[in-house]
Amino acid sequence: MILLTRKAEFSSAHFYWNPAWSEAENQRVFGKCANRQGHGHNYTLEVTVEGNIDPASGFVVDLKLLKEILEREVVSVYDHRHLNHEVPEFSTTIPTTENIAVAIWRRLVGKIPNARLQRVRVYEMPDLFADFYGEGA
């Protein structure tokens, strides 16, 4: 069994806000990230798949196809978007790094032929990232 990781990048804006809380509570918990105008990040996505090496190609997955899947399912949807306003999964979910990792997992699971999605890692900043290993993980 081999683990293979592919990276992709996207730039998005977001803000943190819980509509069930008062403005004061949102400010207390989220600080400057509660600014409803939002702020942006250059995110780095790492998607790790696991599988067996195909003896004919030497690959776990078709690398071109994996890149196309990441582009179609994530980058084209998230890049240069305001996550709170333009990406459906964040209309009712706060787009934290953790929730972005879960949402990307859900977008990718079952869509990568001949491999099992093993991990989604989302870097919001070089020193802040979240890993998700699947539902029930």
C-alpha atoms as a PDB file:
ATOM      1  CA  MET A   1       0.000   0.000   0.000  1.00  0.00           C
ATOM      2  CA  ILE A   2       1.328   3.424  -1.020  1.00  0.00           C
ATOM      3  CA  LEU A   3       0.239   6.890   0.073  1.00  0.00           C
ATOM      4  CA  LEU A   4       0.401   9.580  -2.608  1.00  0.00           C
ATOM      5  CA  THR A   5      -0.189  13.291  -1.981  1.00  0.00           C
ATOM      6  CA  ARG A   6      -1.056  15.975  -4.521  1.00  0.00           C
ATOM      7  CA  LYS A   7      -1.111  19.693  -3.746  1.00  0.00           C
ATOM      8  CA  ALA A   8      -3.361  22.415  -5.123  1.00  0.00           C
ATOM      9  CA  GLU A   9      -3.815  26.078  -4.243  1.00  0.00           C
ATOM     10  CA  PHE A  10      -6.755  28.432  -4.141  1.00  0.00           C
ATOM     11  CA  SER A  11      -7.413  31.934  -2.859  1.00  0.00           C
ATOM     12  CA  SER A  12     -10.643  32.668  -1.031  1.00  0.00           C
ATOM     13  CA  ALA A  13     -12.227  35.181   1.305  1.00  0.00           C
ATOM     14  CA  HIS A  14     -14.281  34.350   4.383  1.00  0.00           C
ATOM     15  CA  PHE A  15     -15.413  35.568   7.773  1.00  0.00           C
ATOM     16  CA  TYR A  16     -16.454  33.823  10.963  1.00  0.00           C
ATOM     17  CA  TRP A  17     -19.959  34.462  12.260  1.00  0.00           C
ATOM     18  CA  ASN A  18     -22.441  32.382  14.217  1.00  0.00           C
ATOM     19  CA  PRO A  19     -25.956  33.794  13.580  1.00  0.00           C
ATOM     20  CA  ALA A  20     -27.225  32.251  16.828  1.00  0.00           C
ATOM     21  CA  TRP A  21     -24.876  34.526  18.805  1.00  0.00           C
ATOM     22  CA  SER A  22     -25.020  38.229  19.503  1.00  0.00           C
ATOM     23  CA  GLU A  23     -22.660  40.586  17.751  1.00  0.00           C
ATOM     24  CA  ALA A  24     -20.757  40.944  21.022  1.00  0.00           C
ATOM     25  CA  GLU A  25     -20.338  37.172  21.363  1.00  0.00           C
ATOM     26  CA  ASN A  26     -19.179  36.840  17.747  1.00  0.00           C
ATOM     27  CA  GLN A  27     -16.643  39.605  18.353  1.00  0.00           C
ATOM     28  CA  ARG A  28     -15.484  37.986  21.596  1.00  0.00           C
ATOM     29  CA  VAL A  29     -14.985  34.533  20.051  1.00  0.00           C
ATOM     30  CA  PHE A  30     -13.836  35.417  16.528  1.00  0.00           C
ATOM     31  CA  GLY A  31     -12.216  38.830  17.012  1.00  0.00           C
ATOM     32  CA  LYS A  32     -11.204  40.543  13.777  1.00  0.00           C
ATOM     33  CA  CYS A  33     -12.276  37.435  11.816  1.00  0.00           C
ATOM     34  CA  ALA A  34     -15.905  38.384  12.585  1.00  0.00           C
ATOM     35  CA  ASN A  35     -15.660  41.335  10.176  1.00  0.00           C
ATOM     36  CA  ARG A  36     -18.520  40.598   7.773  1.00  0.00           C
ATOM     37  CA  GLN A  37     -16.640  42.178   4.867  1.00  0.00           C
ATOM     38  CA  GLY A  38     -14.322  39.189   5.138  1.00  0.00           C
ATOM     39  CA  HIS A  39     -10.626  38.739   4.606  1.00  0.00           C
ATOM     40  CA  GLY A  40      -8.656  36.490   2.296  1.00  0.00           C
ATOM     41  CA  HIS A  41      -6.164  33.656   2.400  1.00  0.00           C
ATOM     42  CA  ASN A  42      -4.017  31.819  -0.099  1.00  0.00           C
ATOM     43  CA  TYR A  43      -4.883  28.256   0.852  1.00  0.00           C
ATOM     44  CA  THR A  44      -2.800  25.187   0.123  1.00  0.00           C
ATOM     45  CA  LEU A  45      -4.645  21.899  -0.207  1.00  0.00           C
ATOM     46  CA  GLU A  46      -2.982  18.505   0.144  1.00  0.00           C
ATOM     47  CA  VAL A  47      -4.986  15.450  -0.846  1.00  0.00           C
ATOM     48  CA  THR A  48      -3.553  12.067   0.078  1.00  0.00           C
ATOM     49  CA  VAL A  49      -4.814   8.868  -1.503  1.00  0.00           C
ATOM     50  CA  GLU A  50      -3.819   5.299  -0.830  1.00  0.00           C
ATOM     51  CA  GLY A  51      -3.774   2.317  -3.074  1.00  0.00           C
ATOM     52  CA  ASN A  52      -1.689  -0.272  -4.784  1.00  0.00           C
ATOM     53  CA  ILE A  53       0.835   0.509  -7.463  1.00  0.00           C
ATOM     54  CA  ASP A  54      -0.397  -0.444 -10.903  1.00  0.00           C
ATOM     55  CA  PRO A  55       2.318  -2.728 -12.302  1.00  0.00           C
ATOM     56  CA  ALA A  56       1.754  -1.460 -15.855  1.00  0.00           C
ATOM     57  CA  SER A  57       1.944   2.303 -15.153  1.00  0.00           C
ATOM     58  CA  GLY A  58       3.862   2.358 -11.864  1.00  0.00           C
ATOM     59  CA  PHE A  59       1.257   4.786 -10.485  1.00  0.00           C
ATOM     60  CA  VAL A  60      -1.277   4.513  -7.679  1.00  0.00           C
ATOM     61  CA  VAL A  61      -3.552   6.874  -9.593  1.00  0.00           C
ATOM     62  CA  ASP A  62      -3.499   8.655 -12.910  1.00  0.00           C
ATOM     63  CA  LEU A  63      -1.795  11.905 -11.821  1.00  0.00           C
ATOM     64  CA  LYS A  64      -3.341  13.961 -14.617  1.00  0.00           C
ATOM     65  CA  LEU A  65      -6.798  12.704 -13.689  1.00  0.00           C
ATOM     66  CA  LEU A  66      -6.201  13.455  -9.982  1.00  0.00           C
ATOM     67  CA  LYS A  67      -5.181  17.016 -10.870  1.00  0.00           C
ATOM     68  CA  GLU A  68      -8.307  17.388 -13.039  1.00  0.00           C
ATOM     69  CA  ILE A  69     -10.538  16.118 -10.206  1.00  0.00           C
ATOM     70  CA  LEU A  70      -9.009  18.581  -7.721  1.00  0.00           C
ATOM     71  CA  GLU A  71      -9.461  21.406 -10.225  1.00  0.00           C
ATOM     72  CA  ARG A  72     -13.078  20.502 -10.997  1.00  0.00           C
ATOM     73  CA  GLU A  73     -14.282  19.645  -7.498  1.00  0.00           C
ATOM     74  CA  VAL A  74     -12.363  22.177  -5.391  1.00  0.00           C
ATOM     75  CA  VAL A  75     -10.213  24.800  -7.090  1.00  0.00           C
ATOM     76  CA  SER A  76     -12.774  25.945  -9.672  1.00  0.00           C
ATOM     77  CA  VAL A  77     -15.421  26.168  -6.927  1.00  0.00           C
ATOM     78  CA  TYR A  78     -13.350  27.853  -4.169  1.00  0.00           C
ATOM     79  CA  ASP A  79     -10.745  29.943  -6.010  1.00  0.00           C
ATOM     80  CA  HIS A  80     -11.377  33.713  -5.954  1.00  0.00           C
ATOM     81  CA  ARG A  81     -14.678  33.206  -4.146  1.00  0.00           C
ATOM     82  CA  HIS A  82     -16.105  34.543  -0.910  1.00  0.00           C
ATOM     83  CA  LEU A  83     -16.778  31.236   0.811  1.00  0.00           C
ATOM     84  CA  ASN A  84     -19.639  32.513   3.008  1.00  0.00           C
ATOM     85  CA  HIS A  85     -21.540  33.983   0.063  1.00  0.00           C
ATOM     86  CA  GLU A  86     -20.604  31.919  -2.991  1.00  0.00           C
ATOM     87  CA  VAL A  87     -19.933  28.316  -1.918  1.00  0.00           C
ATOM     88  CA  PRO A  88     -23.086  26.364  -1.023  1.00  0.00           C
ATOM     89  CA  GLU A  89     -21.647  24.282   1.817  1.00  0.00           C
ATOM     90  CA  PHE A  90     -20.793  27.445   3.746  1.00  0.00           C
ATOM     91  CA  SER A  91     -24.196  29.086   3.558  1.00  0.00           C
ATOM     92  CA  THR A  92     -24.953  27.583   6.995  1.00  0.00           C
ATOM     93  CA  THR A  93     -21.501  26.403   8.118  1.00  0.00           C
ATOM     94  CA  ILE A  94     -18.728  28.692   9.349  1.00  0.00           C
ATOM     95  CA  PRO A  95     -15.814  28.346   6.878  1.00  0.00           C
ATOM     96  CA  THR A  96     -13.107  27.597   9.421  1.00  0.00           C
ATOM     97  CA  THR A  97     -10.028  25.697   8.305  1.00  0.00           C
ATOM     98  CA  GLU A  98     -11.499  22.601   9.943  1.00  0.00           C
ATOM     99  CA  ASN A  99     -14.842  22.914   8.147  1.00  0.00           C
ATOM    100  CA  ILE A 100     -13.139  23.599   4.819  1.00  0.00           C
ATOM    101  CA  ALA A 101     -11.167  20.342   5.174  1.00  0.00           C
ATOM    102  CA  VAL A 102     -14.383  18.393   5.880  1.00  0.00           C
ATOM    103  CA  ALA A 103     -16.200  20.040   2.961  1.00  0.00           C
ATOM    104  CA  ILE A 104     -13.373  19.219   0.565  1.00  0.00           C
ATOM    105  CA  TRP A 105     -13.364  15.596   1.760  1.00  0.00           C
ATOM    106  CA  ARG A 106     -17.077  15.370   1.005  1.00  0.00           C
ATOM    107  CA  ARG A 107     -16.489  16.841  -2.454  1.00  0.00           C
ATOM    108  CA  LEU A 108     -13.763  14.277  -3.251  1.00  0.00           C
ATOM    109  CA  VAL A 109     -14.724  11.033  -1.522  1.00  0.00           C
ATOM    110  CA  GLY A 110     -15.590   8.318  -4.024  1.00  0.00           C
ATOM    111  CA  LYS A 111     -14.462  10.358  -7.029  1.00  0.00           C
ATOM    112  CA  ILE A 112     -10.847   9.200  -7.340  1.00  0.00           C
ATOM    113  CA  PRO A 113     -10.664   5.965  -9.344  1.00  0.00           C
ATOM    114  CA  ASN A 114      -8.524   3.065  -8.094  1.00  0.00           C
ATOM    115  CA  ALA A 115      -7.577   4.784  -4.838  1.00  0.00           C
ATOM    116  CA  ARG A 116      -9.050   5.495  -1.424  1.00  0.00           C
ATOM    117  CA  LEU A 117      -9.105   9.045  -0.128  1.00  0.00           C
ATOM    118  CA  GLN A 118      -6.938   8.923   2.984  1.00  0.00           C
ATOM    119  CA  ARG A 119      -6.449  12.527   4.112  1.00  0.00           C
ATOM    120  CA  VAL A 120      -7.358  16.089   3.246  1.00  0.00           C
ATOM    121  CA  ARG A 121      -5.049  18.774   4.662  1.00  0.00           C
ATOM    122  CA  VAL A 122      -5.895  22.459   4.270  1.00  0.00           C
ATOM    123  CA  TYR A 123      -3.343  25.139   5.102  1.00  0.00           C
ATOM    124  CA  GLU A 124      -4.895  28.513   5.838  1.00  0.00           C
ATOM    125  CA  MET A 125      -1.457  29.916   6.623  1.00  0.00           C
ATOM    126  CA  PRO A 126       1.972  28.270   6.727  1.00  0.00           C
ATOM    127  CA  ASP A 127       1.629  27.751  10.484  1.00  0.00           C
ATOM    128  CA  LEU A 128      -2.082  26.787  10.557  1.00  0.00           C
ATOM    129  CA  PHE A 129      -3.614  23.729   8.957  1.00  0.00           C
ATOM    130  CA  ALA A 130      -6.330  21.136   9.543  1.00  0.00           C
ATOM    131  CA  ASP A 131      -6.297  17.428   8.646  1.00  0.00           C
ATOM    132  CA  PHE A 132      -9.415  15.369   7.998  1.00  0.00           C
ATOM    133  CA  TYR A 133      -9.334  11.594   7.660  1.00  0.00           C
ATOM    134  CA  GLY A 134     -12.954  10.957   6.785  1.00  0.00           C
ATOM    135  CA  GLU A 135     -16.364  10.619   8.294  1.00  0.00           C
ATOM    136  CA  GLY A 136     -16.244   8.954  11.691  1.00  0.00           C
ATOM    137  CA  ALA A 137     -12.463   9.370  11.811  1.00  0.00           C
END
